[in-house]
Protein backbone atom coordinates (compact mmCIF):
# COMPACT_ATOMS: atom_id res chain seq x y z
CA MET A 1 63.18 176.66 100.08
CA ASN A 2 65.97 177.29 102.68
CA TRP A 3 64.46 175.31 105.52
CA SER A 4 65.83 175.48 108.92
CA GLY A 5 62.79 173.72 110.39
CA GLY A 6 61.97 176.79 112.66
CA LYS A 7 59.15 179.17 112.70
CA ASP A 8 60.48 181.82 110.17
CA SER A 9 61.28 179.38 107.43
CA ALA A 10 57.90 177.64 108.12
CA LEU A 11 55.92 180.85 107.77
CA ALA A 12 57.99 181.84 104.65
CA LEU A 13 57.18 178.42 103.03
CA TYR A 14 53.42 179.08 103.84
CA HIS A 15 53.55 182.27 101.77
CA ALA A 16 55.79 180.76 99.00
CA LEU A 17 53.32 178.02 98.59
CA ARG A 18 50.50 180.55 98.18
CA ASN A 19 52.42 182.71 95.69
CA PRO A 20 51.32 181.87 92.11
CA THR A 21 54.69 183.11 90.72
CA LEU A 22 56.53 180.46 92.74
CA HIS A 23 56.61 176.68 92.45
CA VAL A 24 58.46 175.17 95.45
CA THR A 25 60.08 171.85 94.63
CA GLU A 26 62.78 171.32 97.14
CA LEU A 27 63.80 171.93 100.79
CA LEU A 28 67.45 172.75 101.58
CA THR A 29 68.90 172.49 105.03
CA SER A 30 72.33 172.91 106.54
CA VAL A 31 73.27 169.95 108.76
CA ASN A 32 76.25 169.43 111.13
CA ALA A 33 77.56 166.26 109.58
CA HIS A 34 79.48 165.15 112.53
CA TYR A 35 76.45 165.14 114.88
CA GLY A 36 73.66 164.63 112.34
CA ARG A 37 71.68 167.63 113.59
CA VAL A 38 70.42 170.81 112.08
CA SER A 39 72.98 173.58 112.32
CA MET A 40 72.55 175.77 115.38
CA HIS A 41 69.10 174.32 116.15
CA GLY A 42 70.51 170.99 117.28
CA VAL A 43 67.49 169.09 116.01
CA ARG A 44 68.00 165.51 114.94
CA VAL A 45 68.04 164.85 111.26
CA ALA A 46 65.30 162.14 111.82
CA LEU A 47 62.93 164.90 112.92
CA LEU A 48 64.03 167.07 109.98
CA GLN A 49 63.04 164.21 107.65
CA GLU A 50 59.73 163.90 109.42
CA GLN A 51 59.01 167.61 108.53
CA ALA A 52 59.88 167.04 104.92
CA ARG A 53 57.75 163.89 104.77
CA ARG A 54 54.72 165.78 106.09
CA ILE A 55 55.30 168.68 103.71
CA GLY A 56 55.69 166.39 100.78
CA LEU A 57 58.81 167.93 99.35
CA PRO A 58 62.23 166.30 98.78
CA LEU A 59 64.96 167.26 101.12
CA THR A 60 68.53 168.20 100.17
CA ARG A 61 71.06 168.42 103.08
CA LEU A 62 74.07 170.76 103.01
CA GLU A 63 76.49 168.69 104.97
CA LEU A 64 78.99 170.83 106.88
CA PRO A 65 81.72 170.32 109.40
CA GLU A 66 81.31 171.90 112.92
CA MET A 67 83.01 175.23 112.04
CA PRO A 68 83.61 175.60 108.32
CA ASP A 69 85.49 178.58 107.14
CA MET A 70 83.78 180.80 104.53
CA ALA A 71 85.68 179.27 101.58
CA GLU A 72 84.68 175.74 102.53
CA TYR A 73 81.10 176.58 103.19
CA GLU A 74 80.74 178.46 99.80
CA ALA A 75 82.45 175.59 97.99
CA ARG A 76 80.10 173.01 99.55
CA MET A 77 77.07 175.26 98.95
CA ARG A 78 77.93 175.46 95.25
CA ALA A 79 78.38 171.71 94.99
CA THR A 80 75.06 171.14 96.84
CA LEU A 81 73.14 173.62 94.60
CA ALA A 82 74.56 172.31 91.30
CA PRO A 83 72.09 169.44 91.00
CA LEU A 84 69.15 171.72 91.84
CA LEU A 85 70.33 174.29 89.23
CA ALA A 86 70.40 171.36 86.72
CA LYS A 87 66.76 170.66 87.59
CA GLY A 88 65.97 174.29 86.44
CA ILE A 89 65.55 175.80 89.94
CA ARG A 90 66.25 179.48 89.57
CA ARG A 91 64.94 181.02 92.82
CA ALA A 92 65.74 180.51 96.52
CA VAL A 93 63.22 181.40 99.27
CA PHE A 94 64.46 182.51 102.69
CA GLY A 95 62.71 183.44 106.05
CA ASP A 96 64.77 186.51 106.83
CA ILE A 97 62.94 189.52 108.28
CA TYR A 98 65.19 192.55 108.43
CA LEU A 99 69.01 191.84 108.60
CA GLU A 100 70.14 193.91 105.76
CA ASP A 101 73.75 192.62 105.56
CA LEU A 102 72.60 189.05 105.50
CA ARG A 103 70.18 189.75 102.67
CA ARG A 104 72.95 191.42 100.67
CA TYR A 105 75.19 188.43 101.16
CA ARG A 106 72.60 186.03 100.03
CA GLU A 107 71.73 187.95 96.91
CA GLN A 108 75.32 188.43 95.93
CA GLN A 109 76.28 184.82 96.45
CA LEU A 110 73.21 183.51 94.56
CA ALA A 111 73.64 186.01 91.63
CA GLY A 112 77.01 184.42 90.97
CA ILE A 113 75.52 180.99 90.19
CA GLY A 114 72.30 182.31 88.41
CA LEU A 115 69.74 182.27 91.35
CA THR A 116 67.69 185.05 92.72
CA ALA A 117 66.48 185.27 96.30
CA GLU A 118 62.91 185.68 97.66
CA PHE A 119 62.03 187.00 101.14
CA PRO A 120 58.30 186.61 101.81
CA LEU A 121 58.61 187.97 105.37
CA TRP A 122 60.87 190.84 104.61
CA GLN A 123 60.42 193.93 106.91
CA ARG A 124 56.92 192.81 108.21
CA PRO A 125 56.41 193.89 111.78
CA ASN A 126 57.19 191.26 114.49
CA ALA A 127 53.77 191.53 116.07
CA GLU A 128 52.04 191.00 112.63
CA LEU A 129 54.21 187.88 111.91
CA LEU A 130 53.57 186.32 115.32
CA HIS A 131 49.87 187.00 115.22
CA GLU A 132 49.79 185.34 111.81
CA TYR A 133 51.85 182.36 113.03
CA LEU A 134 49.46 181.77 115.92
CA GLU A 135 46.26 182.34 113.99
CA LEU A 136 47.30 179.93 111.20
CA GLY A 137 47.87 177.09 113.72
CA PHE A 138 51.62 176.69 113.52
CA ARG A 139 53.11 175.05 116.57
CA ALA A 140 56.76 174.89 117.51
CA VAL A 141 58.93 174.14 120.45
CA VAL A 142 61.90 176.24 121.43
CA VAL A 143 65.01 173.95 121.05
CA CYS A 144 67.91 176.50 121.56
CA VAL A 145 68.26 179.66 123.58
CA ASN A 146 71.27 182.01 123.85
CA GLU A 147 71.77 182.54 127.60
CA LYS A 148 72.86 186.09 126.89
CA TYR A 149 69.26 186.77 126.31
CA LEU A 150 67.21 184.00 127.84
CA ASP A 151 67.66 181.62 130.69
CA ARG A 152 67.39 177.86 130.65
CA SER A 153 63.65 177.97 131.60
CA PHE A 154 62.77 179.23 128.08
CA CYS A 155 64.32 176.15 126.39
CA GLY A 156 61.92 173.31 125.69
CA ARG A 157 58.79 175.51 125.93
CA GLU A 158 56.14 175.66 123.29
CA LEU A 159 56.41 178.90 121.18
CA ASP A 160 53.00 180.26 122.11
CA ALA A 161 51.39 183.43 123.51
CA ASP A 162 52.63 182.60 126.98
CA PHE A 163 56.20 182.20 125.74
CA LEU A 164 55.98 185.49 123.93
CA ARG A 165 54.56 187.30 126.94
CA ASP A 166 57.28 186.07 129.16
CA LEU A 167 60.19 187.37 127.01
CA PRO A 168 62.28 189.88 128.82
CA PRO A 169 62.45 193.53 127.61
CA GLY A 170 64.92 193.98 124.79
CA VAL A 171 64.60 190.55 123.39
CA ASP A 172 63.51 190.42 119.79
CA SER A 173 60.17 188.58 119.86
CA CYS A 174 60.91 186.82 116.55
CA GLY A 175 64.45 185.88 117.80
CA GLU A 176 65.89 187.54 114.70
CA ASN A 177 69.23 188.25 116.45
CA GLY A 178 69.68 184.66 117.44
CA GLU A 179 67.97 184.83 120.89
CA TYR A 180 66.18 181.48 120.29
CA HIS A 181 65.64 178.82 117.65
CA SER A 182 62.55 176.58 117.18
CA PHE A 183 61.32 173.38 115.78
CA VAL A 184 57.95 173.40 114.07
CA PHE A 185 56.03 170.18 114.81
CA ASP A 186 52.76 171.18 113.22
CA ALA A 187 51.77 173.63 110.24
CA PRO A 188 48.89 174.22 108.02
CA TYR A 189 50.58 172.30 105.11
CA PHE A 190 51.72 169.25 107.27
CA SER A 191 49.86 165.99 106.64
CA SER A 192 49.78 165.50 110.36
CA PRO A 193 51.63 166.75 113.52
CA ILE A 194 55.02 165.32 114.36
CA PRO A 195 55.06 163.37 117.67
CA PHE A 196 58.17 163.87 119.80
CA GLU A 197 59.45 163.69 123.30
CA ARG A 198 61.51 166.24 125.17
CA GLY A 199 64.81 164.86 126.22
CA ASP A 200 67.67 166.43 128.15
CA ILE A 201 68.46 170.14 128.30
CA VAL A 202 72.08 170.79 128.05
CA ARG A 203 74.39 173.76 127.93
CA ARG A 204 77.01 174.09 125.18
CA THR A 205 79.77 176.50 124.51
CA TYR A 206 81.86 176.89 121.35
CA ALA A 207 85.45 177.94 120.59
CA ALA A 208 85.82 181.46 119.30
CA PRO A 209 85.62 181.64 115.53
CA THR A 210 88.28 182.77 113.21
CA ALA A 211 87.70 185.96 111.14
CA SER A 212 86.77 183.83 108.08
CA SER A 213 84.52 181.36 109.85
CA VAL A 214 80.75 180.97 109.32
CA CYS A 215 78.12 179.65 111.58
CA ALA A 216 74.88 177.96 110.58
CA PRO A 217 74.84 179.41 107.04
CA ILE A 218 71.32 178.45 106.06
CA ASP A 219 69.79 178.95 109.47
CA ASP A 220 67.06 181.66 109.81
CA LYS A 221 69.03 183.87 112.29
CA ALA A 222 72.18 185.93 111.55
CA GLU A 223 73.87 182.96 109.76
CA THR A 224 76.91 184.62 108.14
CA GLN A 225 77.80 186.66 111.15
CA SER A 226 80.00 185.28 113.88
CA PRO A 227 77.80 184.30 116.89
CA PRO A 228 78.27 185.90 120.27
CA PHE A 229 80.80 183.46 121.55
CA ASP A 230 81.05 185.24 124.97
CA THR A 231 77.98 183.25 126.01
CA GLY A 232 76.59 179.75 126.13
CA PHE A 233 73.55 178.11 124.60
CA TRP A 234 70.86 175.90 126.07
CA TYR A 235 69.58 173.13 123.92
CA CYS A 236 66.54 170.83 124.40
CA ASP A 237 67.02 167.51 122.74
CA LEU A 238 63.92 166.32 120.96
CA LEU A 239 63.33 162.56 120.50
CA PRO A 240 61.44 161.06 117.66
CA VAL A 241 58.53 158.86 118.73
CA PRO A 242 58.10 155.64 116.77
CA GLN A 243 54.72 155.59 114.94
CA ALA A 244 52.72 153.72 112.46
CA ALA A 245 52.74 155.03 108.84
CA ASP A 246 50.33 157.87 108.09
């Protein structure tokens, strides 16, 4: 399961777990190795590990530098997938909804190493997905927004009906174009909710990518396309809360 920790991968996992033809055995997440945070989402690895612990699945991290080029990304991906292939894993699940070029890229790359891709949410209407997300009891906090689409006030809010109602016209409600990213802190298959505190909200900009660079390759939004670097991003830092063992 290609797990970003956000709502789309979380909902895709829900359907994968209910699919009798699939047996999910592993979570795979791309991580910025320098900062120890989930790529693009900016979520601390400690909170990513709390998600995996509550799901009850082992977590494999694809460790990446800040701006890997495509060749380096693909080499690191192959090296990370090799032990999973050795275990007998033959399918990879993604939370993509309708980005055709991204789906083609995934399928082509996986076919080269003997894997096939599964897309449980593919081409389902946004309204249907979001209704299901809310009805099933998923809860998430918005951890990153692209200021080209959303202002600072959206960052750090819970992804609920009020958030969706406040989205400006023209913004994809599922954030499929990278408008926002989220961190799921409760799900139907979590053993318990993840406690956290909201920390600072900060603005970040990034150097323009080269033609061969890749950003957040296993994220759930437009991963293999260069992000809109004529804009900034607002991040809400989430802080783990120490707790007794479940």
